[in-house]
ModelCIF file with pLDDT and N, C-alpha, C, O atoms, coordinates in Angstrom:
data_MODEL
#
_entry.id   MODEL 
#
_entity.id                         1 
_entity.type                       polymer 
_entity.pdbx_number_of_molecules   1 
#
_entity_poly.entity_id                      1 
_entity_poly.type                           'polypeptide(L)' 
_entity_poly.nstd_linkage                   no 
_entity_poly.nstd_monomer                   no 
_entity_poly.pdbx_seq_one_letter_code       GDITQPQTLDAAMEGAWGVINLAGYREFWARD 
_entity_poly.pdbx_seq_one_letter_code_can   GDITQPQTLDAAMEGAWGVINLAGYREFWARD 
_entity_poly.pdbx_strand_id                 A 
#
loop_
_entity_poly_seq.entity_id 
_entity_poly_seq.num 
_entity_poly_seq.mon_id 
_entity_poly_seq.hetero 
1 1  GLY n 
1 2  ASP n 
1 3  ILE n 
1 4  THR n 
1 5  GLN n 
1 6  PRO n 
1 7  GLN n 
1 8  THR n 
1 9  LEU n 
1 10 ASP n 
1 11 ALA n 
1 12 ALA n 
1 13 MET n 
1 14 GLU n 
1 15 GLY n 
1 16 ALA n 
1 17 TRP n 
1 18 GLY n 
1 19 VAL n 
1 20 ILE n 
1 21 ASN n 
1 22 LEU n 
1 23 ALA n 
1 24 GLY n 
1 25 TYR n 
1 26 ARG n 
1 27 GLU n 
1 28 PHE n 
1 29 TRP n 
1 30 ALA n 
1 31 ARG n 
1 32 ASP n 
#
_struct_asym.id          A 
_struct_asym.entity_id   1 
#
loop_
_ma_qa_metric.id 
_ma_qa_metric.mode 
_ma_qa_metric.name 
_ma_qa_metric.software_group_id 
_ma_qa_metric.type 
1 global pLDDT . pLDDT 
2 local  pLDDT . pLDDT 
#
_ma_qa_metric_global.metric_id      1 
_ma_qa_metric_global.metric_value   96.50 
_ma_qa_metric_global.model_id       1 
_ma_qa_metric_global.ordinal_id     1 
#
loop_
_ma_qa_metric_local.label_asym_id 
_ma_qa_metric_local.label_comp_id 
_ma_qa_metric_local.label_seq_id 
_ma_qa_metric_local.metric_id 
_ma_qa_metric_local.metric_value 
_ma_qa_metric_local.model_id 
_ma_qa_metric_local.ordinal_id 
A GLY 1  2 97.00 1 1  
A ASP 2  2 97.00 1 2  
A ILE 3  2 98.00 1 3  
A THR 4  2 98.00 1 4  
A GLN 5  2 97.00 1 5  
A PRO 6  2 97.00 1 6  
A GLN 7  2 97.00 1 7  
A THR 8  2 96.00 1 8  
A LEU 9  2 98.00 1 9  
A ASP 10 2 97.00 1 10 
A ALA 11 2 97.00 1 11 
A ALA 12 2 97.00 1 12 
A MET 13 2 98.00 1 13 
A GLU 14 2 97.00 1 14 
A GLY 15 2 97.00 1 15 
A ALA 16 2 98.00 1 16 
A TRP 17 2 98.00 1 17 
A GLY 18 2 98.00 1 18 
A VAL 19 2 98.00 1 19 
A ILE 20 2 98.00 1 20 
A ASN 21 2 98.00 1 21 
A LEU 22 2 98.00 1 22 
A ALA 23 2 97.00 1 23 
A GLY 24 2 96.00 1 24 
A TYR 25 2 95.00 1 25 
A ARG 26 2 92.00 1 26 
A GLU 27 2 93.00 1 27 
A PHE 28 2 93.00 1 28 
A TRP 29 2 94.00 1 29 
A ALA 30 2 95.00 1 30 
A ARG 31 2 94.00 1 31 
A ASP 32 2 95.00 1 32 
#
loop_
_atom_site.group_PDB 
_atom_site.id 
_atom_site.type_symbol 
_atom_site.label_atom_id 
_atom_site.label_alt_id 
_atom_site.label_comp_id 
_atom_site.label_asym_id 
_atom_site.label_entity_id 
_atom_site.label_seq_id 
_atom_site.pdbx_PDB_ins_code 
_atom_site.Cartn_x 
_atom_site.Cartn_y 
_atom_site.Cartn_z 
_atom_site.occupancy 
_atom_site.B_iso_or_equiv 
_atom_site.pdbx_formal_charge 
_atom_site.auth_seq_id 
_atom_site.auth_comp_id 
_atom_site.auth_asym_id 
_atom_site.auth_atom_id 
_atom_site.pdbx_PDB_model_num 
ATOM 1   N N  . GLY A 1 1  ? 0.820  -1.202 0.000  1.00 97.00 ? 1  GLY A N  1 
ATOM 2   C CA . GLY A 1 1  ? 0.000  0.000  0.000  1.00 97.00 ? 1  GLY A CA 1 
ATOM 3   C C  . GLY A 1 1  ? 0.848  1.242  0.000  1.00 97.00 ? 1  GLY A C  1 
ATOM 4   O O  . GLY A 1 1  ? 2.076  1.173  -0.049 1.00 97.00 ? 1  GLY A O  1 
ATOM 5   N N  . ASP A 1 2  ? 0.186  2.381  0.055  1.00 97.00 ? 2  ASP A N  1 
ATOM 6   C CA . ASP A 1 2  ? 0.871  3.672  -0.001 1.00 97.00 ? 2  ASP A CA 1 
ATOM 7   C C  . ASP A 1 2  ? -0.019 4.683  0.713  1.00 97.00 ? 2  ASP A C  1 
ATOM 8   O O  . ASP A 1 2  ? -1.216 4.757  0.435  1.00 97.00 ? 2  ASP A O  1 
ATOM 9   N N  . ILE A 1 3  ? 0.553  5.460  1.628  1.00 98.00 ? 3  ILE A N  1 
ATOM 10  C CA . ILE A 1 3  ? -0.273 6.393  2.394  1.00 98.00 ? 3  ILE A CA 1 
ATOM 11  C C  . ILE A 1 3  ? -0.883 7.486  1.518  1.00 98.00 ? 3  ILE A C  1 
ATOM 12  O O  . ILE A 1 3  ? -1.838 8.145  1.930  1.00 98.00 ? 3  ILE A O  1 
ATOM 13  N N  . THR A 1 4  ? -0.349 7.683  0.325  1.00 98.00 ? 4  THR A N  1 
ATOM 14  C CA . THR A 1 4  ? -0.939 8.673  -0.581 1.00 98.00 ? 4  THR A CA 1 
ATOM 15  C C  . THR A 1 4  ? -2.094 8.092  -1.389 1.00 98.00 ? 4  THR A C  1 
ATOM 16  O O  . THR A 1 4  ? -2.740 8.805  -2.157 1.00 98.00 ? 4  THR A O  1 
ATOM 17  N N  . GLN A 1 5  ? -2.351 6.804  -1.216 1.00 97.00 ? 5  GLN A N  1 
ATOM 18  C CA . GLN A 1 5  ? -3.456 6.133  -1.917 1.00 97.00 ? 5  GLN A CA 1 
ATOM 19  C C  . GLN A 1 5  ? -4.396 5.538  -0.877 1.00 97.00 ? 5  GLN A C  1 
ATOM 20  O O  . GLN A 1 5  ? -4.234 4.382  -0.486 1.00 97.00 ? 5  GLN A O  1 
ATOM 21  N N  . PRO A 1 6  ? -5.371 6.313  -0.428 1.00 97.00 ? 6  PRO A N  1 
ATOM 22  C CA . PRO A 1 6  ? -6.207 5.885  0.704  1.00 97.00 ? 6  PRO A CA 1 
ATOM 23  C C  . PRO A 1 6  ? -6.929 4.562  0.486  1.00 97.00 ? 6  PRO A C  1 
ATOM 24  O O  . PRO A 1 6  ? -7.221 3.856  1.451  1.00 97.00 ? 6  PRO A O  1 
ATOM 25  N N  . GLN A 1 7  ? -7.220 4.216  -0.758 1.00 97.00 ? 7  GLN A N  1 
ATOM 26  C CA . GLN A 1 7  ? -7.925 2.960  -1.023 1.00 97.00 ? 7  GLN A CA 1 
ATOM 27  C C  . GLN A 1 7  ? -7.072 1.751  -0.679 1.00 97.00 ? 7  GLN A C  1 
ATOM 28  O O  . GLN A 1 7  ? -7.600 0.643  -0.574 1.00 97.00 ? 7  GLN A O  1 
ATOM 29  N N  . THR A 1 8  ? -5.763 1.931  -0.498 1.00 96.00 ? 8  THR A N  1 
ATOM 30  C CA . THR A 1 8  ? -4.879 0.806  -0.165 1.00 96.00 ? 8  THR A CA 1 
ATOM 31  C C  . THR A 1 8  ? -4.700 0.626  1.335  1.00 96.00 ? 8  THR A C  1 
ATOM 32  O O  . THR A 1 8  ? -4.011 -0.304 1.755  1.00 96.00 ? 8  THR A O  1 
ATOM 33  N N  . LEU A 1 9  ? -5.299 1.486  2.160  1.00 98.00 ? 9  LEU A N  1 
ATOM 34  C CA . LEU A 1 9  ? -4.999 1.487  3.588  1.00 98.00 ? 9  LEU A CA 1 
ATOM 35  C C  . LEU A 1 9  ? -5.935 0.624  4.416  1.00 98.00 ? 9  LEU A C  1 
ATOM 36  O O  . LEU A 1 9  ? -5.578 0.230  5.527  1.00 98.00 ? 9  LEU A O  1 
ATOM 37  N N  . ASP A 1 10 ? -7.125 0.321  3.906  1.00 97.00 ? 10 ASP A N  1 
ATOM 38  C CA . ASP A 1 10 ? -8.090 -0.440 4.713  1.00 97.00 ? 10 ASP A CA 1 
ATOM 39  C C  . ASP A 1 10 ? -7.523 -1.784 5.136  1.00 97.00 ? 10 ASP A C  1 
ATOM 40  O O  . ASP A 1 10 ? -7.652 -2.177 6.295  1.00 97.00 ? 10 ASP A O  1 
ATOM 41  N N  . ALA A 1 11 ? -6.902 -2.484 4.215  1.00 97.00 ? 11 ALA A N  1 
ATOM 42  C CA . ALA A 1 11 ? -6.356 -3.807 4.533  1.00 97.00 ? 11 ALA A CA 1 
ATOM 43  C C  . ALA A 1 11 ? -5.239 -3.713 5.559  1.00 97.00 ? 11 ALA A C  1 
ATOM 44  O O  . ALA A 1 11 ? -5.090 -4.600 6.399  1.00 97.00 ? 11 ALA A O  1 
ATOM 45  N N  . ALA A 1 12 ? -4.450 -2.639 5.496  1.00 97.00 ? 12 ALA A N  1 
ATOM 46  C CA . ALA A 1 12 ? -3.332 -2.476 6.433  1.00 97.00 ? 12 ALA A CA 1 
ATOM 47  C C  . ALA A 1 12 ? -3.815 -2.211 7.854  1.00 97.00 ? 12 ALA A C  1 
ATOM 48  O O  . ALA A 1 12 ? -3.158 -2.615 8.814  1.00 97.00 ? 12 ALA A O  1 
ATOM 49  N N  . MET A 1 13 ? -4.957 -1.536 8.002  1.00 98.00 ? 13 MET A N  1 
ATOM 50  C CA . MET A 1 13 ? -5.461 -1.166 9.330  1.00 98.00 ? 13 MET A CA 1 
ATOM 51  C C  . MET A 1 13 ? -6.424 -2.196 9.912  1.00 98.00 ? 13 MET A C  1 
ATOM 52  O O  . MET A 1 13 ? -6.672 -2.196 11.118 1.00 98.00 ? 13 MET A O  1 
ATOM 53  N N  . GLU A 1 14 ? -6.961 -3.058 9.083  1.00 97.00 ? 14 GLU A N  1 
ATOM 54  C CA . GLU A 1 14 ? -7.968 -4.013 9.547  1.00 97.00 ? 14 GLU A CA 1 
ATOM 55  C C  . GLU A 1 14 ? -7.427 -4.894 10.679 1.00 97.00 ? 14 GLU A C  1 
ATOM 56  O O  . GLU A 1 14 ? -6.406 -5.563 10.521 1.00 97.00 ? 14 GLU A O  1 
ATOM 57  N N  . GLY A 1 15 ? -8.112 -4.885 11.799 1.00 97.00 ? 15 GLY A N  1 
ATOM 58  C CA . GLY A 1 15 ? -7.731 -5.721 12.935 1.00 97.00 ? 15 GLY A CA 1 
ATOM 59  C C  . GLY A 1 15 ? -6.570 -5.200 13.752 1.00 97.00 ? 15 GLY A C  1 
ATOM 60  O O  . GLY A 1 15 ? -6.164 -5.852 14.714 1.00 97.00 ? 15 GLY A O  1 
ATOM 61  N N  . ALA A 1 16 ? -6.024 -4.052 13.406 1.00 98.00 ? 16 ALA A N  1 
ATOM 62  C CA . ALA A 1 16 ? -4.866 -3.512 14.135 1.00 98.00 ? 16 ALA A CA 1 
ATOM 63  C C  . ALA A 1 16 ? -5.300 -2.918 15.470 1.00 98.00 ? 16 ALA A C  1 
ATOM 64  O O  . ALA A 1 16 ? -6.280 -2.176 15.544 1.00 98.00 ? 16 ALA A O  1 
ATOM 65  N N  . TRP A 1 17 ? -4.564 -3.250 16.515 1.00 98.00 ? 17 TRP A N  1 
ATOM 66  C CA . TRP A 1 17 ? -4.760 -2.590 17.817 1.00 98.00 ? 17 TRP A CA 1 
ATOM 67  C C  . TRP A 1 17 ? -4.120 -1.203 17.809 1.00 98.00 ? 17 TRP A C  1 
ATOM 68  O O  . TRP A 1 17 ? -4.696 -0.238 18.311 1.00 98.00 ? 17 TRP A O  1 
ATOM 69  N N  . GLY A 1 18 ? -2.920 -1.119 17.232 1.00 98.00 ? 18 GLY A N  1 
ATOM 70  C CA . GLY A 1 18 ? -2.192 0.145  17.199 1.00 98.00 ? 18 GLY A CA 1 
ATOM 71  C C  . GLY A 1 18 ? -1.612 0.411  15.825 1.00 98.00 ? 18 GLY A C  1 
ATOM 72  O O  . GLY A 1 18 ? -1.340 -0.511 15.056 1.00 98.00 ? 18 GLY A O  1 
ATOM 73  N N  . VAL A 1 19 ? -1.425 1.698  15.528 1.00 98.00 ? 19 VAL A N  1 
ATOM 74  C CA . VAL A 1 19 ? -0.826 2.121  14.260 1.00 98.00 ? 19 VAL A CA 1 
ATOM 75  C C  . VAL A 1 19 ? 0.217  3.186  14.552 1.00 98.00 ? 19 VAL A C  1 
ATOM 76  O O  . VAL A 1 19 ? -0.024 4.122  15.315 1.00 98.00 ? 19 VAL A O  1 
ATOM 77  N N  . ILE A 1 20 ? 1.380  3.029  13.933 1.00 98.00 ? 20 ILE A N  1 
ATOM 78  C CA . ILE A 1 20 ? 2.438  4.046  14.025 1.00 98.00 ? 20 ILE A CA 1 
ATOM 79  C C  . ILE A 1 20 ? 2.699  4.559  12.618 1.00 98.00 ? 20 ILE A C  1 
ATOM 80  O O  . ILE A 1 20 ? 3.065  3.796  11.724 1.00 98.00 ? 20 ILE A O  1 
ATOM 81  N N  . ASN A 1 21 ? 2.508  5.862  12.432 1.00 98.00 ? 21 ASN A N  1 
ATOM 82  C CA . ASN A 1 21 ? 2.734  6.453  11.110 1.00 98.00 ? 21 ASN A CA 1 
ATOM 83  C C  . ASN A 1 21 ? 4.124  7.074  11.049 1.00 98.00 ? 21 ASN A C  1 
ATOM 84  O O  . ASN A 1 21 ? 4.350  8.192  11.513 1.00 98.00 ? 21 ASN A O  1 
ATOM 85  N N  . LEU A 1 22 ? 5.037  6.323  10.468 1.00 98.00 ? 22 LEU A N  1 
ATOM 86  C CA . LEU A 1 22 ? 6.420  6.789  10.277 1.00 98.00 ? 22 LEU A CA 1 
ATOM 87  C C  . LEU A 1 22 ? 6.681  7.194  8.835  1.00 98.00 ? 22 LEU A C  1 
ATOM 88  O O  . LEU A 1 22 ? 7.715  7.788  8.532  1.00 98.00 ? 22 LEU A O  1 
ATOM 89  N N  . ALA A 1 23 ? 5.749  6.876  7.946  1.00 97.00 ? 23 ALA A N  1 
ATOM 90  C CA . ALA A 1 23 ? 5.957  7.192  6.530  1.00 97.00 ? 23 ALA A CA 1 
ATOM 91  C C  . ALA A 1 23 ? 5.965  8.704  6.339  1.00 97.00 ? 23 ALA A C  1 
ATOM 92  O O  . ALA A 1 23 ? 5.180  9.430  6.950  1.00 97.00 ? 23 ALA A O  1 
ATOM 93  N N  . GLY A 1 24 ? 6.852  9.151  5.496  1.00 96.00 ? 24 GLY A N  1 
ATOM 94  C CA . GLY A 1 24 ? 6.923  10.585 5.214  1.00 96.00 ? 24 GLY A CA 1 
ATOM 95  C C  . GLY A 1 24 ? 8.068  10.879 4.276  1.00 96.00 ? 24 GLY A C  1 
ATOM 96  O O  . GLY A 1 24 ? 8.905  10.022 3.992  1.00 96.00 ? 24 GLY A O  1 
ATOM 97  N N  . TYR A 1 25 ? 8.083  12.112 3.802  1.00 95.00 ? 25 TYR A N  1 
ATOM 98  C CA . TYR A 1 25 ? 9.168  12.548 2.924  1.00 95.00 ? 25 TYR A CA 1 
ATOM 99  C C  . TYR A 1 25 ? 10.119 13.378 3.763  1.00 95.00 ? 25 TYR A C  1 
ATOM 100 O O  . TYR A 1 25 ? 9.875  14.561 4.003  1.00 95.00 ? 25 TYR A O  1 
ATOM 101 N N  . ARG A 1 26 ? 11.220 12.751 4.217  1.00 92.00 ? 26 ARG A N  1 
ATOM 102 C CA . ARG A 1 26 ? 12.191 13.391 5.111  1.00 92.00 ? 26 ARG A CA 1 
ATOM 103 C C  . ARG A 1 26 ? 13.338 13.931 4.271  1.00 92.00 ? 26 ARG A C  1 
ATOM 104 O O  . ARG A 1 26 ? 14.367 13.278 4.102  1.00 92.00 ? 26 ARG A O  1 
ATOM 105 N N  . GLU A 1 27 ? 13.147 15.107 3.761  1.00 93.00 ? 27 GLU A N  1 
ATOM 106 C CA . GLU A 1 27 ? 14.137 15.738 2.888  1.00 93.00 ? 27 GLU A CA 1 
ATOM 107 C C  . GLU A 1 27 ? 13.989 17.256 2.971  1.00 93.00 ? 27 GLU A C  1 
ATOM 108 O O  . GLU A 1 27 ? 13.047 17.770 3.575  1.00 93.00 ? 27 GLU A O  1 
ATOM 109 N N  . PHE A 1 28 ? 14.936 17.961 2.354  1.00 93.00 ? 28 PHE A N  1 
ATOM 110 C CA . PHE A 1 28 ? 14.863 19.419 2.274  1.00 93.00 ? 28 PHE A CA 1 
ATOM 111 C C  . PHE A 1 28 ? 14.812 19.899 0.825  1.00 93.00 ? 28 PHE A C  1 
ATOM 112 O O  . PHE A 1 28 ? 15.002 21.081 0.539  1.00 93.00 ? 28 PHE A O  1 
ATOM 113 N N  . TRP A 1 29 ? 14.552 18.961 -0.078 1.00 94.00 ? 29 TRP A N  1 
ATOM 114 C CA . TRP A 1 29 ? 14.397 19.347 -1.482 1.00 94.00 ? 29 TRP A CA 1 
ATOM 115 C C  . TRP A 1 29 ? 13.489 18.364 -2.183 1.00 94.00 ? 29 TRP A C  1 
ATOM 116 O O  . TRP A 1 29 ? 13.528 17.160 -1.929 1.00 94.00 ? 29 TRP A O  1 
ATOM 117 N N  . ALA A 1 30 ? 12.674 18.898 -3.069 1.00 95.00 ? 30 ALA A N  1 
ATOM 118 C CA . ALA A 1 30 ? 11.875 18.072 -3.972 1.00 95.00 ? 30 ALA A CA 1 
ATOM 119 C C  . ALA A 1 30 ? 11.729 18.847 -5.272 1.00 95.00 ? 30 ALA A C  1 
ATOM 120 O O  . ALA A 1 30 ? 11.537 20.063 -5.266 1.00 95.00 ? 30 ALA A O  1 
ATOM 121 N N  . ARG A 1 31 ? 11.821 18.140 -6.374 1.00 94.00 ? 31 ARG A N  1 
ATOM 122 C CA . ARG A 1 31 ? 11.665 18.805 -7.670 1.00 94.00 ? 31 ARG A CA 1 
ATOM 123 C C  . ARG A 1 31 ? 10.292 19.478 -7.762 1.00 94.00 ? 31 ARG A C  1 
ATOM 124 O O  . ARG A 1 31 ? 10.159 20.583 -8.287 1.00 94.00 ? 31 ARG A O  1 
ATOM 125 N N  . ASP A 1 32 ? 9.280  18.787 -7.239 1.00 95.00 ? 32 ASP A N  1 
ATOM 126 C CA . ASP A 1 32 ? 7.935  19.333 -7.149 1.00 95.00 ? 32 ASP A CA 1 
ATOM 127 C C  . ASP A 1 32 ? 7.608  19.502 -5.671 1.00 95.00 ? 32 ASP A C  1 
ATOM 128 O O  . ASP A 1 32 ? 6.515  19.953 -5.329 1.00 95.00 ? 32 ASP A O  1 
#
């Protein structure tokens, strides 16, 4: 899945007691 594609997240969260969101763009430059 991908956090930028919400339709892919249901399966990842199903039945989870806890969720840790570490995904992110950790940078100081992006072309866009």
